[in-house]
Amino acid sequence: MMLRQPGIPPEAIPIMGMLTGIVSMVLIAFVVIRVAQSQVGQAIARRISGRSGAGDEELRNEVLDLREHVANLEHRLAENEERIDFTERLLAQRVGPERIEAKVPHAPG
């Protein structure tokens, strides 16, 4: 024995299910089209096709410039480390008290 709700004909239930499916599909298609037309969709399309935009080339050049700048700074840092090591070796060769006594005048006495 089937239970039926009063007031809803049995033919309406499949029609409502189809309408819900159609409305859902239209909404999903609308969202997909809007995303595809947006900048995000265009970026995804460029990435898939293997093309890069002008912005990508600018970023690549900027990264290369920054890498060159970092390499330059590393070179300068290495030179400064060598100079500090050399200075420390020179200072370590001198005897501390002799230098101080040579500069301090003796009081007459």
C-alpha atoms as a PDB file:
ATOM      1  CA  MET A   1       0.000   0.000   0.000  1.00  0.00           C
ATOM      2  CA  MET A   2       1.453   3.351  -1.054  1.00  0.00           C
ATOM      3  CA  LEU A   3       1.260   6.390   1.126  1.00  0.00           C
ATOM      4  CA  ARG A   4       0.352   9.522  -0.721  1.00  0.00           C
ATOM      5  CA  GLN A   5       0.260  13.056   0.447  1.00  0.00           C
ATOM      6  CA  PRO A   6      -3.087  14.652  -0.049  1.00  0.00           C
ATOM      7  CA  GLY A   7      -3.255  17.433  -2.608  1.00  0.00           C
ATOM      8  CA  ILE A   8      -0.118  16.490  -4.652  1.00  0.00           C
ATOM      9  CA  PRO A   9      -0.881  14.462  -7.754  1.00  0.00           C
ATOM     10  CA  PRO A  10       1.578  11.631  -8.422  1.00  0.00           C
ATOM     11  CA  GLU A  11       2.537  13.089 -11.819  1.00  0.00           C
ATOM     12  CA  ALA A  12       3.865  16.294 -10.182  1.00  0.00           C
ATOM     13  CA  ILE A  13       6.683  14.618  -8.267  1.00  0.00           C
ATOM     14  CA  PRO A  14       8.753  13.619 -11.359  1.00  0.00           C
ATOM     15  CA  ILE A  15       8.093  17.017 -12.938  1.00  0.00           C
ATOM     16  CA  MET A  16       9.411  18.807  -9.822  1.00  0.00           C
ATOM     17  CA  GLY A  17      12.509  16.585  -9.853  1.00  0.00           C
ATOM     18  CA  MET A  18      13.168  17.440 -13.486  1.00  0.00           C
ATOM     19  CA  LEU A  19      12.668  21.149 -12.853  1.00  0.00           C
ATOM     20  CA  THR A  20      15.090  21.021  -9.937  1.00  0.00           C
ATOM     21  CA  GLY A  21      17.679  19.307 -12.141  1.00  0.00           C
ATOM     22  CA  ILE A  22      17.212  21.808 -14.952  1.00  0.00           C
ATOM     23  CA  VAL A  23      17.505  24.811 -12.612  1.00  0.00           C
ATOM     24  CA  SER A  24      20.614  23.299 -11.000  1.00  0.00           C
ATOM     25  CA  MET A  25      22.255  22.670 -14.366  1.00  0.00           C
ATOM     26  CA  VAL A  26      21.492  26.217 -15.546  1.00  0.00           C
ATOM     27  CA  LEU A  27      23.006  27.686 -12.372  1.00  0.00           C
ATOM     28  CA  ILE A  28      26.119  25.508 -12.646  1.00  0.00           C
ATOM     29  CA  ALA A  29      26.540  26.442 -16.318  1.00  0.00           C
ATOM     30  CA  PHE A  30      26.151  30.127 -15.452  1.00  0.00           C
ATOM     31  CA  VAL A  31      28.839  29.922 -12.742  1.00  0.00           C
ATOM     32  CA  VAL A  32      31.237  28.006 -15.010  1.00  0.00           C
ATOM     33  CA  ILE A  33      30.805  30.551 -17.810  1.00  0.00           C
ATOM     34  CA  ARG A  34      31.338  33.492 -15.434  1.00  0.00           C
ATOM     35  CA  VAL A  35      34.518  31.952 -14.025  1.00  0.00           C
ATOM     36  CA  ALA A  36      35.799  31.133 -17.517  1.00  0.00           C
ATOM     37  CA  GLN A  37      35.284  34.748 -18.599  1.00  0.00           C
ATOM     38  CA  SER A  38      36.978  36.179 -15.519  1.00  0.00           C
ATOM     39  CA  GLN A  39      40.695  36.878 -15.136  1.00  0.00           C
ATOM     40  CA  VAL A  40      41.097  33.628 -13.231  1.00  0.00           C
ATOM     41  CA  GLY A  41      39.619  31.675 -16.135  1.00  0.00           C
ATOM     42  CA  GLN A  42      41.802  33.494 -18.627  1.00  0.00           C
ATOM     43  CA  ALA A  43      44.906  32.783 -16.539  1.00  0.00           C
ATOM     44  CA  ILE A  44      43.984  29.112 -16.357  1.00  0.00           C
ATOM     45  CA  ALA A  45      43.476  29.049 -20.134  1.00  0.00           C
ATOM     46  CA  ARG A  46      46.879  30.677 -20.729  1.00  0.00           C
ATOM     47  CA  ARG A  47      48.531  28.184 -18.377  1.00  0.00           C
ATOM     48  CA  ILE A  48      46.873  25.230 -20.120  1.00  0.00           C
ATOM     49  CA  SER A  49      47.821  26.464 -23.589  1.00  0.00           C
ATOM     50  CA  GLY A  50      51.398  27.136 -22.478  1.00  0.00           C
ATOM     51  CA  ARG A  51      51.311  30.819 -23.285  1.00  0.00           C
ATOM     52  CA  SER A  52      52.463  33.333 -20.739  1.00  0.00           C
ATOM     53  CA  GLY A  53      51.247  36.877 -20.533  1.00  0.00           C
ATOM     54  CA  ALA A  54      53.320  40.058 -20.504  1.00  0.00           C
ATOM     55  CA  GLY A  55      53.067  40.108 -16.713  1.00  0.00           C
ATOM     56  CA  ASP A  56      54.790  36.736 -16.512  1.00  0.00           C
ATOM     57  CA  GLU A  57      57.700  38.032 -18.583  1.00  0.00           C
ATOM     58  CA  GLU A  58      57.998  41.100 -16.354  1.00  0.00           C
ATOM     59  CA  LEU A  59      58.029  38.906 -13.253  1.00  0.00           C
ATOM     60  CA  ARG A  60      60.646  36.623 -14.794  1.00  0.00           C
ATOM     61  CA  ASN A  61      62.886  39.631 -15.564  1.00  0.00           C
ATOM     62  CA  GLU A  62      62.413  40.996 -12.065  1.00  0.00           C
ATOM     63  CA  VAL A  63      63.338  37.644 -10.526  1.00  0.00           C
ATOM     64  CA  LEU A  64      66.471  37.474 -12.686  1.00  0.00           C
ATOM     65  CA  ASP A  65      67.434  41.010 -11.620  1.00  0.00           C
ATOM     66  CA  LEU A  66      66.914  40.117  -7.966  1.00  0.00           C
ATOM     67  CA  ARG A  67      69.011  36.964  -8.315  1.00  0.00           C
ATOM     68  CA  GLU A  68      71.818  39.000  -9.867  1.00  0.00           C
ATOM     69  CA  HIS A  69      71.557  41.539  -7.048  1.00  0.00           C
ATOM     70  CA  VAL A  70      71.709  38.785  -4.407  1.00  0.00           C
ATOM     71  CA  ALA A  71      74.771  37.254  -6.093  1.00  0.00           C
ATOM     72  CA  ASN A  72      76.402  40.694  -6.049  1.00  0.00           C
ATOM     73  CA  LEU A  73      75.649  41.093  -2.341  1.00  0.00           C
ATOM     74  CA  GLU A  74      76.998  37.612  -1.588  1.00  0.00           C
ATOM     75  CA  HIS A  75      80.239  38.516  -3.375  1.00  0.00           C
ATOM     76  CA  ARG A  76      80.579  41.752  -1.394  1.00  0.00           C
ATOM     77  CA  LEU A  77      79.859  39.894   1.850  1.00  0.00           C
ATOM     78  CA  ALA A  78      82.563  37.322   1.082  1.00  0.00           C
ATOM     79  CA  GLU A  79      85.072  40.133   0.419  1.00  0.00           C
ATOM     80  CA  ASN A  80      84.188  41.809   3.711  1.00  0.00           C
ATOM     81  CA  GLU A  81      84.562  38.512   5.580  1.00  0.00           C
ATOM     82  CA  GLU A  82      88.047  38.109   4.087  1.00  0.00           C
ATOM     83  CA  ARG A  83      88.970  41.636   5.176  1.00  0.00           C
ATOM     84  CA  ILE A  84      87.737  41.005   8.709  1.00  0.00           C
ATOM     85  CA  ASP A  85      89.710  37.748   8.890  1.00  0.00           C
ATOM     86  CA  PHE A  86      92.840  39.547   7.678  1.00  0.00           C
ATOM     87  CA  THR A  87      92.362  42.317  10.240  1.00  0.00           C
ATOM     88  CA  GLU A  88      91.850  39.796  13.050  1.00  0.00           C
ATOM     89  CA  ARG A  89      95.052  37.988  12.069  1.00  0.00           C
ATOM     90  CA  LEU A  90      97.004  41.261  12.100  1.00  0.00           C
ATOM     91  CA  LEU A  91      95.646  42.194  15.499  1.00  0.00           C
ATOM     92  CA  ALA A  92      96.366  38.732  16.889  1.00  0.00           C
ATOM     93  CA  GLN A  93     100.065  39.075  15.899  1.00  0.00           C
ATOM     94  CA  ARG A  94     100.563  42.181  18.041  1.00  0.00           C
ATOM     95  CA  VAL A  95     101.113  41.871  21.741  1.00  0.00           C
ATOM     96  CA  GLY A  96      98.594  43.892  23.698  1.00  0.00           C
ATOM     97  CA  PRO A  97     100.580  45.164  26.774  1.00  0.00           C
ATOM     98  CA  GLU A  98     103.579  46.327  24.726  1.00  0.00           C
ATOM     99  CA  ARG A  99     101.394  48.531  22.605  1.00  0.00           C
ATOM    100  CA  ILE A 100      99.769  50.078  25.652  1.00  0.00           C
ATOM    101  CA  GLU A 101     103.061  50.716  27.465  1.00  0.00           C
ATOM    102  CA  ALA A 102     104.582  52.349  24.412  1.00  0.00           C
ATOM    103  CA  LYS A 103     101.783  54.904  24.286  1.00  0.00           C
ATOM    104  CA  VAL A 104     101.528  55.669  28.026  1.00  0.00           C
ATOM    105  CA  PRO A 105     104.119  58.236  29.140  1.00  0.00           C
ATOM    106  CA  HIS A 106     105.947  57.415  32.383  1.00  0.00           C
ATOM    107  CA  ALA A 107     105.405  59.798  35.235  1.00  0.00           C
ATOM    108  CA  PRO A 108     108.601  61.358  36.637  1.00  0.00           C
ATOM    109  CA  GLY A 109     109.273  60.044  39.948  1.00  0.00           C
END
